[in-house]
Amino acid sequence: MRAILLSVGAFAASLRLAGFPHIENIHGSHWQVLALLVAAWGMAETARCLRRKWSFYHAGVLILLYTDLMILAAIVVMLAVP
């Protein structure tokens, strides 16, 4: 639960730092690097939940890891927007 909250919170913070509600003010911010680090920390916390033997729990954790990867990619894109 902590990992999911870290990743989603970092994504929400990155959206706010990019000026999301006002589409005409979208910009990159150097503070988004912190959101990127927090999202990476959330992904590492999610990866700790993986088990060696495959099960539906393992599949759910893999889906969460893919979600974290998409969050990281979105933050990198918002960071690169001039």
N, C-alpha and C. Protein backbone atom coordinates (compact mmCIF):
# COMPACT_ATOMS: atom_id res chain seq x y z
N MET A 1 0.82 -1.19 0.00
CA MET A 1 0.00 0.00 0.00
C MET A 1 0.86 1.26 0.00
N ARG A 2 1.96 1.21 0.75
CA ARG A 2 2.85 2.36 0.83
C ARG A 2 3.47 2.68 -0.53
N ALA A 3 3.84 1.64 -1.27
CA ALA A 3 4.47 1.85 -2.57
C ALA A 3 3.51 2.48 -3.56
N ILE A 4 2.26 2.04 -3.54
CA ILE A 4 1.26 2.60 -4.45
C ILE A 4 1.03 4.07 -4.13
N LEU A 5 0.93 4.38 -2.84
CA LEU A 5 0.71 5.77 -2.44
C LEU A 5 1.91 6.66 -2.80
N LEU A 6 3.12 6.13 -2.67
CA LEU A 6 4.31 6.89 -3.07
C LEU A 6 4.27 7.21 -4.56
N SER A 7 3.99 6.22 -5.38
CA SER A 7 4.00 6.42 -6.83
C SER A 7 2.88 7.36 -7.28
N VAL A 8 1.68 7.13 -6.80
CA VAL A 8 0.55 7.97 -7.21
C VAL A 8 0.72 9.40 -6.67
N GLY A 9 1.23 9.52 -5.45
CA GLY A 9 1.49 10.84 -4.89
C GLY A 9 2.56 11.59 -5.67
N ALA A 10 3.61 10.89 -6.08
CA ALA A 10 4.65 11.52 -6.89
C ALA A 10 4.11 11.95 -8.24
N PHE A 11 3.23 11.15 -8.82
CA PHE A 11 2.63 11.50 -10.11
C PHE A 11 1.74 12.74 -9.96
N ALA A 12 0.94 12.78 -8.90
CA ALA A 12 0.08 13.94 -8.66
C ALA A 12 0.92 15.20 -8.41
N ALA A 13 1.99 15.06 -7.65
CA ALA A 13 2.86 16.21 -7.39
C ALA A 13 3.54 16.68 -8.68
N SER A 14 3.94 15.74 -9.51
CA SER A 14 4.56 16.10 -10.79
C SER A 14 3.58 16.82 -11.70
N LEU A 15 2.32 16.37 -11.70
CA LEU A 15 1.31 17.07 -12.49
C LEU A 15 1.13 18.50 -12.01
N ARG A 16 1.07 18.69 -10.70
CA ARG A 16 0.89 20.04 -10.15
C ARG A 16 2.12 20.91 -10.44
N LEU A 17 3.31 20.34 -10.34
CA LEU A 17 4.52 21.10 -10.62
C LEU A 17 4.62 21.49 -12.09
N ALA A 18 4.02 20.70 -12.96
CA ALA A 18 4.03 21.01 -14.39
C ALA A 18 2.95 22.01 -14.76
N GLY A 19 2.08 22.37 -13.82
CA GLY A 19 1.01 23.33 -14.10
C GLY A 19 -0.17 22.69 -14.77
N PHE A 20 -0.52 21.48 -14.39
CA PHE A 20 -1.51 20.69 -15.11
C PHE A 20 -2.91 21.30 -15.25
N PRO A 21 -3.54 21.82 -14.22
CA PRO A 21 -4.94 22.21 -14.43
C PRO A 21 -5.11 23.24 -15.54
N HIS A 22 -4.09 24.03 -15.79
CA HIS A 22 -4.16 25.07 -16.82
C HIS A 22 -3.28 24.63 -17.99
N ILE A 23 -3.90 24.11 -19.02
CA ILE A 23 -3.17 23.50 -20.14
C ILE A 23 -2.26 24.51 -20.85
N GLU A 24 -2.61 25.79 -20.78
CA GLU A 24 -1.77 26.79 -21.46
C GLU A 24 -0.49 27.09 -20.67
N ASN A 25 -0.41 26.65 -19.43
CA ASN A 25 0.76 26.92 -18.60
C ASN A 25 1.62 25.68 -18.36
N ILE A 26 1.50 24.66 -19.19
CA ILE A 26 2.30 23.45 -19.00
C ILE A 26 3.78 23.79 -19.20
N HIS A 27 4.59 23.39 -18.25
CA HIS A 27 6.03 23.68 -18.31
C HIS A 27 6.77 22.63 -17.48
N GLY A 28 8.06 22.51 -17.70
CA GLY A 28 8.89 21.62 -16.90
C GLY A 28 9.42 22.35 -15.69
N SER A 29 9.64 21.63 -14.63
CA SER A 29 10.15 22.21 -13.40
C SER A 29 11.30 21.34 -12.89
N HIS A 30 12.32 21.98 -12.35
CA HIS A 30 13.45 21.23 -11.81
C HIS A 30 13.06 20.45 -10.56
N TRP A 31 11.99 20.83 -9.89
CA TRP A 31 11.52 20.14 -8.69
C TRP A 31 10.91 18.78 -9.04
N GLN A 32 10.61 18.56 -10.30
CA GLN A 32 10.04 17.28 -10.71
C GLN A 32 11.05 16.14 -10.59
N VAL A 33 12.32 16.47 -10.48
CA VAL A 33 13.33 15.44 -10.25
C VAL A 33 13.06 14.74 -8.92
N LEU A 34 12.62 15.51 -7.92
CA LEU A 34 12.28 14.91 -6.63
C LEU A 34 11.08 13.96 -6.77
N ALA A 35 10.10 14.36 -7.56
CA ALA A 35 8.95 13.49 -7.80
C ALA A 35 9.40 12.22 -8.52
N LEU A 36 10.35 12.35 -9.43
CA LEU A 36 10.88 11.19 -10.14
C LEU A 36 11.58 10.23 -9.18
N LEU A 37 12.34 10.78 -8.24
CA LEU A 37 13.03 9.94 -7.26
C LEU A 37 12.04 9.24 -6.32
N VAL A 38 10.99 9.95 -5.92
CA VAL A 38 9.98 9.34 -5.06
C VAL A 38 9.24 8.24 -5.81
N ALA A 39 8.96 8.45 -7.08
CA ALA A 39 8.29 7.42 -7.88
C ALA A 39 9.21 6.20 -8.05
N ALA A 40 10.50 6.42 -8.22
CA ALA A 40 11.45 5.30 -8.32
C ALA A 40 11.51 4.54 -6.99
N TRP A 41 11.44 5.27 -5.89
CA TRP A 41 11.42 4.64 -4.57
C TRP A 41 10.16 3.79 -4.42
N GLY A 42 9.02 4.31 -4.89
CA GLY A 42 7.78 3.54 -4.86
C GLY A 42 7.87 2.28 -5.71
N MET A 43 8.54 2.37 -6.85
CA MET A 43 8.70 1.19 -7.70
C MET A 43 9.59 0.15 -7.01
N ALA A 44 10.63 0.61 -6.33
CA ALA A 44 11.50 -0.31 -5.60
C ALA A 44 10.73 -0.99 -4.46
N GLU A 45 9.87 -0.24 -3.79
CA GLU A 45 9.06 -0.83 -2.72
C GLU A 45 8.08 -1.87 -3.28
N THR A 46 7.54 -1.60 -4.45
CA THR A 46 6.65 -2.58 -5.09
C THR A 46 7.42 -3.83 -5.48
N ALA A 47 8.63 -3.66 -5.99
CA ALA A 47 9.44 -4.80 -6.40
C ALA A 47 9.81 -5.69 -5.22
N ARG A 48 9.88 -5.13 -4.03
CA ARG A 48 10.18 -5.93 -2.84
C ARG A 48 9.08 -6.94 -2.54
N CYS A 49 7.88 -6.71 -3.05
CA CYS A 49 6.74 -7.60 -2.77
C CYS A 49 6.72 -8.84 -3.67
N LEU A 50 7.60 -8.89 -4.66
CA LEU A 50 7.61 -10.06 -5.56
C LEU A 50 8.04 -11.30 -4.80
N ARG A 51 7.41 -12.42 -5.13
CA ARG A 51 7.77 -13.71 -4.55
C ARG A 51 8.41 -14.56 -5.64
N ARG A 52 9.14 -15.57 -5.23
CA ARG A 52 9.85 -16.41 -6.20
C ARG A 52 8.90 -17.29 -7.01
N LYS A 53 7.90 -17.84 -6.37
CA LYS A 53 6.97 -18.74 -7.06
C LYS A 53 5.83 -17.93 -7.66
N TRP A 54 5.47 -18.27 -8.91
CA TRP A 54 4.41 -17.53 -9.59
C TRP A 54 3.07 -17.86 -8.97
N SER A 55 2.26 -16.81 -8.81
CA SER A 55 0.88 -16.95 -8.34
C SER A 55 0.11 -15.74 -8.87
N PHE A 56 -1.16 -15.68 -8.55
CA PHE A 56 -1.93 -14.51 -8.97
C PHE A 56 -1.47 -13.26 -8.22
N TYR A 57 -0.98 -13.44 -7.01
CA TYR A 57 -0.40 -12.32 -6.26
C TYR A 57 0.82 -11.77 -7.01
N HIS A 58 1.66 -12.68 -7.49
CA HIS A 58 2.85 -12.29 -8.26
C HIS A 58 2.43 -11.53 -9.53
N ALA A 59 1.38 -12.00 -10.19
CA ALA A 59 0.89 -11.32 -11.39
C ALA A 59 0.37 -9.93 -11.06
N GLY A 60 -0.31 -9.78 -9.95
CA GLY A 60 -0.79 -8.46 -9.54
C GLY A 60 0.35 -7.51 -9.26
N VAL A 61 1.41 -8.00 -8.63
CA VAL A 61 2.58 -7.15 -8.35
C VAL A 61 3.24 -6.75 -9.66
N LEU A 62 3.29 -7.66 -10.64
CA LEU A 62 3.86 -7.30 -11.95
C LEU A 62 3.04 -6.21 -12.63
N ILE A 63 1.73 -6.28 -12.52
CA ILE A 63 0.88 -5.23 -13.09
C ILE A 63 1.17 -3.90 -12.40
N LEU A 64 1.33 -3.92 -11.09
CA LEU A 64 1.68 -2.68 -10.37
C LEU A 64 3.04 -2.16 -10.78
N LEU A 65 3.99 -3.06 -11.06
CA LEU A 65 5.31 -2.62 -11.53
C LEU A 65 5.21 -1.95 -12.90
N TYR A 66 4.39 -2.50 -13.78
CA TYR A 66 4.18 -1.87 -15.09
C TYR A 66 3.52 -0.50 -14.93
N THR A 67 2.61 -0.40 -13.99
CA THR A 67 1.97 0.89 -13.71
C THR A 67 3.00 1.90 -13.21
N ASP A 68 3.87 1.46 -12.32
CA ASP A 68 4.93 2.34 -11.83
C ASP A 68 5.87 2.77 -12.96
N LEU A 69 6.13 1.85 -13.88
CA LEU A 69 6.97 2.20 -15.02
C LEU A 69 6.31 3.27 -15.89
N MET A 70 4.99 3.17 -16.08
CA MET A 70 4.28 4.20 -16.85
C MET A 70 4.29 5.54 -16.12
N ILE A 71 4.20 5.51 -14.80
CA ILE A 71 4.26 6.75 -14.02
C ILE A 71 5.64 7.38 -14.17
N LEU A 72 6.69 6.56 -14.10
CA LEU A 72 8.04 7.09 -14.29
C LEU A 72 8.21 7.71 -15.67
N ALA A 73 7.70 7.04 -16.69
CA ALA A 73 7.80 7.56 -18.06
C ALA A 73 7.04 8.88 -18.20
N ALA A 74 5.86 8.97 -17.59
CA ALA A 74 5.08 10.20 -17.67
C ALA A 74 5.80 11.35 -16.97
N ILE A 75 6.42 11.07 -15.84
CA ILE A 75 7.16 12.13 -15.13
C ILE A 75 8.36 12.59 -15.96
N VAL A 76 9.05 11.65 -16.60
CA VAL A 76 10.19 12.03 -17.45
C VAL A 76 9.72 12.89 -18.61
N VAL A 77 8.59 12.56 -19.21
CA VAL A 77 8.06 13.36 -20.32
C VAL A 77 7.69 14.75 -19.83
N MET A 78 7.02 14.83 -18.68
CA MET A 78 6.66 16.16 -18.15
C MET A 78 7.88 16.96 -17.76
N LEU A 79 8.96 16.28 -17.35
CA LEU A 79 10.20 16.95 -16.99
C LEU A 79 10.87 17.51 -18.24
N ALA A 80 10.72 16.83 -19.37
CA ALA A 80 11.38 17.23 -20.60
C ALA A 80 10.61 18.31 -21.38
N VAL A 81 9.36 18.58 -21.00
CA VAL A 81 8.58 19.60 -21.70
C VAL A 81 9.19 20.97 -21.42
N PRO A 82 9.51 21.71 -22.47
CA PRO A 82 10.15 23.03 -22.25
C PRO A 82 9.19 24.08 -21.73
